[in-house]
Amino acid sequence: MATATKKTTAATTTANKKATAKQTAPVDEQPTAAKPKPRKPKAPGVQAKVTRPYLAGQIIAKHGLAAGVTPAMVAELNEAYGKPNDVESAFCLKNAHHAIRGATGLAEDQAYEDAAS
């Protein structure tokens, strides 16, 4: 039994020495505060990135819905995104145009007019 008590005491003493050494470390050796994590977007499933569809929405908003989708807008999107892909840019612009029309209620008006004729 006496041996078991000595081992526990030795382990406790070693742990206390290590804890004391950590507390008395010089200021230069102490770790600095961790960098703050990037803020997560408030909407679940939405990442804060500049994507081709996001830029397409900005270009449609800039030119307006009446302009439709033009080759100049496709070129502008390619330049803004930095990777030329005319097919993908045209698709994103058409999709953004369609989404904005739906969000503003213009698509519903057109659908009713098409159904009436």
C-alpha atoms as a PDB file:
ATOM      1  CA  MET A   1       0.000   0.000   0.000  1.00  0.00           C
ATOM      2  CA  ALA A   2       2.778   2.432   0.790  1.00  0.00           C
ATOM      3  CA  THR A   3       4.175   2.047  -2.726  1.00  0.00           C
ATOM      4  CA  ALA A   4       0.841   2.950  -4.297  1.00  0.00           C
ATOM      5  CA  THR A   5       0.673   6.102  -2.214  1.00  0.00           C
ATOM      6  CA  LYS A   6       4.137   7.177  -3.312  1.00  0.00           C
ATOM      7  CA  LYS A   7       3.265   6.734  -7.005  1.00  0.00           C
ATOM      8  CA  THR A   8       0.174   8.849  -6.643  1.00  0.00           C
ATOM      9  CA  THR A   9       2.130  11.511  -4.814  1.00  0.00           C
ATOM     10  CA  ALA A  10       4.883  11.513  -7.437  1.00  0.00           C
ATOM     11  CA  ALA A  11       2.347  11.803 -10.271  1.00  0.00           C
ATOM     12  CA  THR A  12       0.561  14.624  -8.505  1.00  0.00           C
ATOM     13  CA  THR A  13       3.822  16.457  -7.862  1.00  0.00           C
ATOM     14  CA  THR A  14       4.845  16.148 -11.522  1.00  0.00           C
ATOM     15  CA  ALA A  15       1.453  17.439 -12.673  1.00  0.00           C
ATOM     16  CA  ASN A  16       1.703  20.382 -10.279  1.00  0.00           C
ATOM     17  CA  LYS A  17       5.179  21.262 -11.558  1.00  0.00           C
ATOM     18  CA  LYS A  18       3.954  21.237 -15.167  1.00  0.00           C
ATOM     19  CA  ALA A  19       0.971  23.412 -14.309  1.00  0.00           C
ATOM     20  CA  THR A  20       3.191  25.885 -12.472  1.00  0.00           C
ATOM     21  CA  ALA A  21       5.633  25.995 -15.396  1.00  0.00           C
ATOM     22  CA  LYS A  22       2.790  26.836 -17.800  1.00  0.00           C
ATOM     23  CA  GLN A  23       1.544  29.634 -15.562  1.00  0.00           C
ATOM     24  CA  THR A  24       4.956  31.254 -15.225  1.00  0.00           C
ATOM     25  CA  ALA A  25       5.895  31.190 -18.926  1.00  0.00           C
ATOM     26  CA  PRO A  26       7.359  34.468 -20.221  1.00  0.00           C
ATOM     27  CA  VAL A  27       5.021  36.778 -22.121  1.00  0.00           C
ATOM     28  CA  ASP A  28       6.817  36.118 -25.420  1.00  0.00           C
ATOM     29  CA  GLU A  29       6.163  32.370 -25.192  1.00  0.00           C
ATOM     30  CA  GLN A  30       2.477  32.595 -24.340  1.00  0.00           C
ATOM     31  CA  PRO A  31       0.140  31.762 -27.210  1.00  0.00           C
ATOM     32  CA  THR A  32      -1.674  34.605 -28.895  1.00  0.00           C
ATOM     33  CA  ALA A  33      -5.420  34.762 -29.265  1.00  0.00           C
ATOM     34  CA  ALA A  34      -6.828  32.662 -32.080  1.00  0.00           C
ATOM     35  CA  LYS A  35      -7.985  34.456 -35.206  1.00  0.00           C
ATOM     36  CA  PRO A  36     -11.734  34.934 -35.313  1.00  0.00           C
ATOM     37  CA  LYS A  37     -13.595  32.493 -37.520  1.00  0.00           C
ATOM     38  CA  PRO A  38     -15.200  33.896 -40.661  1.00  0.00           C
ATOM     39  CA  ARG A  39     -18.795  34.899 -40.147  1.00  0.00           C
ATOM     40  CA  LYS A  40     -21.347  32.427 -41.363  1.00  0.00           C
ATOM     41  CA  PRO A  41     -24.153  33.715 -43.557  1.00  0.00           C
ATOM     42  CA  LYS A  42     -27.457  34.232 -41.780  1.00  0.00           C
ATOM     43  CA  ALA A  43     -29.422  32.237 -44.346  1.00  0.00           C
ATOM     44  CA  PRO A  44     -28.820  28.493 -44.049  1.00  0.00           C
ATOM     45  CA  GLY A  45     -27.330  26.927 -47.152  1.00  0.00           C
ATOM     46  CA  VAL A  46     -26.040  30.241 -48.525  1.00  0.00           C
ATOM     47  CA  GLN A  47     -22.306  30.694 -48.785  1.00  0.00           C
ATOM     48  CA  ALA A  48     -20.664  34.079 -48.912  1.00  0.00           C
ATOM     49  CA  LYS A  49     -18.917  33.683 -52.273  1.00  0.00           C
ATOM     50  CA  VAL A  50     -18.867  35.608 -55.515  1.00  0.00           C
ATOM     51  CA  THR A  51     -20.217  33.095 -58.002  1.00  0.00           C
ATOM     52  CA  ARG A  52     -21.199  33.345 -61.641  1.00  0.00           C
ATOM     53  CA  PRO A  53     -24.954  33.244 -60.797  1.00  0.00           C
ATOM     54  CA  TYR A  54     -24.486  35.982 -58.181  1.00  0.00           C
ATOM     55  CA  LEU A  55     -22.658  38.208 -60.658  1.00  0.00           C
ATOM     56  CA  ALA A  56     -25.324  37.437 -63.281  1.00  0.00           C
ATOM     57  CA  GLY A  57     -27.971  38.786 -60.921  1.00  0.00           C
ATOM     58  CA  GLN A  58     -25.953  41.956 -60.407  1.00  0.00           C
ATOM     59  CA  ILE A  59     -25.572  42.445 -64.169  1.00  0.00           C
ATOM     60  CA  ILE A  60     -29.297  41.912 -64.787  1.00  0.00           C
ATOM     61  CA  ALA A  61     -30.073  44.425 -62.030  1.00  0.00           C
ATOM     62  CA  LYS A  62     -27.620  46.901 -63.570  1.00  0.00           C
ATOM     63  CA  HIS A  63     -29.042  46.670 -67.114  1.00  0.00           C
ATOM     64  CA  GLY A  64     -32.681  46.127 -66.180  1.00  0.00           C
ATOM     65  CA  LEU A  65     -35.161  43.466 -67.199  1.00  0.00           C
ATOM     66  CA  ALA A  66     -36.203  45.238 -70.400  1.00  0.00           C
ATOM     67  CA  ALA A  67     -32.742  44.663 -71.899  1.00  0.00           C
ATOM     68  CA  GLY A  68     -33.164  40.882 -71.811  1.00  0.00           C
ATOM     69  CA  VAL A  69     -29.932  38.907 -72.166  1.00  0.00           C
ATOM     70  CA  THR A  70     -27.490  40.278 -74.728  1.00  0.00           C
ATOM     71  CA  PRO A  71     -24.064  39.098 -75.946  1.00  0.00           C
ATOM     72  CA  ALA A  72     -22.562  42.213 -74.351  1.00  0.00           C
ATOM     73  CA  MET A  73     -23.945  41.113 -70.987  1.00  0.00           C
ATOM     74  CA  VAL A  74     -22.460  37.631 -71.505  1.00  0.00           C
ATOM     75  CA  ALA A  75     -19.055  39.215 -72.199  1.00  0.00           C
ATOM     76  CA  GLU A  76     -19.440  41.441 -69.127  1.00  0.00           C
ATOM     77  CA  LEU A  77     -20.200  38.408 -66.949  1.00  0.00           C
ATOM     78  CA  ASN A  78     -17.191  36.524 -68.336  1.00  0.00           C
ATOM     79  CA  GLU A  79     -14.966  39.487 -67.503  1.00  0.00           C
ATOM     80  CA  ALA A  80     -16.451  39.943 -64.027  1.00  0.00           C
ATOM     81  CA  TYR A  81     -16.079  36.262 -63.145  1.00  0.00           C
ATOM     82  CA  GLY A  82     -12.601  35.945 -64.645  1.00  0.00           C
ATOM     83  CA  LYS A  83     -13.148  32.621 -66.418  1.00  0.00           C
ATOM     84  CA  PRO A  84     -14.634  32.929 -69.912  1.00  0.00           C
ATOM     85  CA  ASN A  85     -17.439  30.460 -70.613  1.00  0.00           C
ATOM     86  CA  ASP A  86     -20.085  31.912 -72.919  1.00  0.00           C
ATOM     87  CA  VAL A  87     -22.510  28.999 -72.563  1.00  0.00           C
ATOM     88  CA  GLU A  88     -22.438  29.010 -68.756  1.00  0.00           C
ATOM     89  CA  SER A  89     -22.615  32.806 -68.586  1.00  0.00           C
ATOM     90  CA  ALA A  90     -25.618  32.928 -70.925  1.00  0.00           C
ATOM     91  CA  PHE A  91     -27.333  30.217 -68.873  1.00  0.00           C
ATOM     92  CA  CYS A  92     -26.698  32.077 -65.601  1.00  0.00           C
ATOM     93  CA  LEU A  93     -27.939  35.365 -67.066  1.00  0.00           C
ATOM     94  CA  LYS A  94     -31.128  33.747 -68.390  1.00  0.00           C
ATOM     95  CA  ASN A  95     -31.675  32.027 -65.064  1.00  0.00           C
ATOM     96  CA  ALA A  96     -31.125  35.279 -63.154  1.00  0.00           C
ATOM     97  CA  HIS A  97     -33.465  37.117 -65.535  1.00  0.00           C
ATOM     98  CA  HIS A  98     -36.132  34.474 -64.966  1.00  0.00           C
ATOM     99  CA  ALA A  99     -35.652  34.520 -61.174  1.00  0.00           C
ATOM    100  CA  ILE A 100     -35.873  38.314 -60.957  1.00  0.00           C
ATOM    101  CA  ARG A 101     -39.028  38.337 -63.083  1.00  0.00           C
ATOM    102  CA  GLY A 102     -40.529  35.738 -60.755  1.00  0.00           C
ATOM    103  CA  ALA A 103     -39.490  37.592 -57.614  1.00  0.00           C
ATOM    104  CA  THR A 104     -40.921  40.901 -58.824  1.00  0.00           C
ATOM    105  CA  GLY A 105     -44.175  39.341 -60.003  1.00  0.00           C
ATOM    106  CA  LEU A 106     -43.640  40.084 -63.699  1.00  0.00           C
ATOM    107  CA  ALA A 107     -43.531  36.406 -64.639  1.00  0.00           C
ATOM    108  CA  GLU A 108     -47.039  35.835 -63.242  1.00  0.00           C
ATOM    109  CA  ASP A 109     -48.473  38.638 -65.373  1.00  0.00           C
ATOM    110  CA  GLN A 110     -46.924  37.146 -68.510  1.00  0.00           C
ATOM    111  CA  ALA A 111     -48.169  33.648 -67.640  1.00  0.00           C
ATOM    112  CA  TYR A 112     -51.750  34.945 -67.272  1.00  0.00           C
ATOM    113  CA  GLU A 113     -51.524  36.780 -70.602  1.00  0.00           C
ATOM    114  CA  ASP A 114     -50.211  33.654 -72.353  1.00  0.00           C
ATOM    115  CA  ALA A 115     -52.983  31.517 -70.843  1.00  0.00           C
ATOM    116  CA  ALA A 116     -55.680  34.013 -71.866  1.00  0.00           C
ATOM    117  CA  SER A 117     -54.665  34.036 -75.538  1.00  0.00           C
END
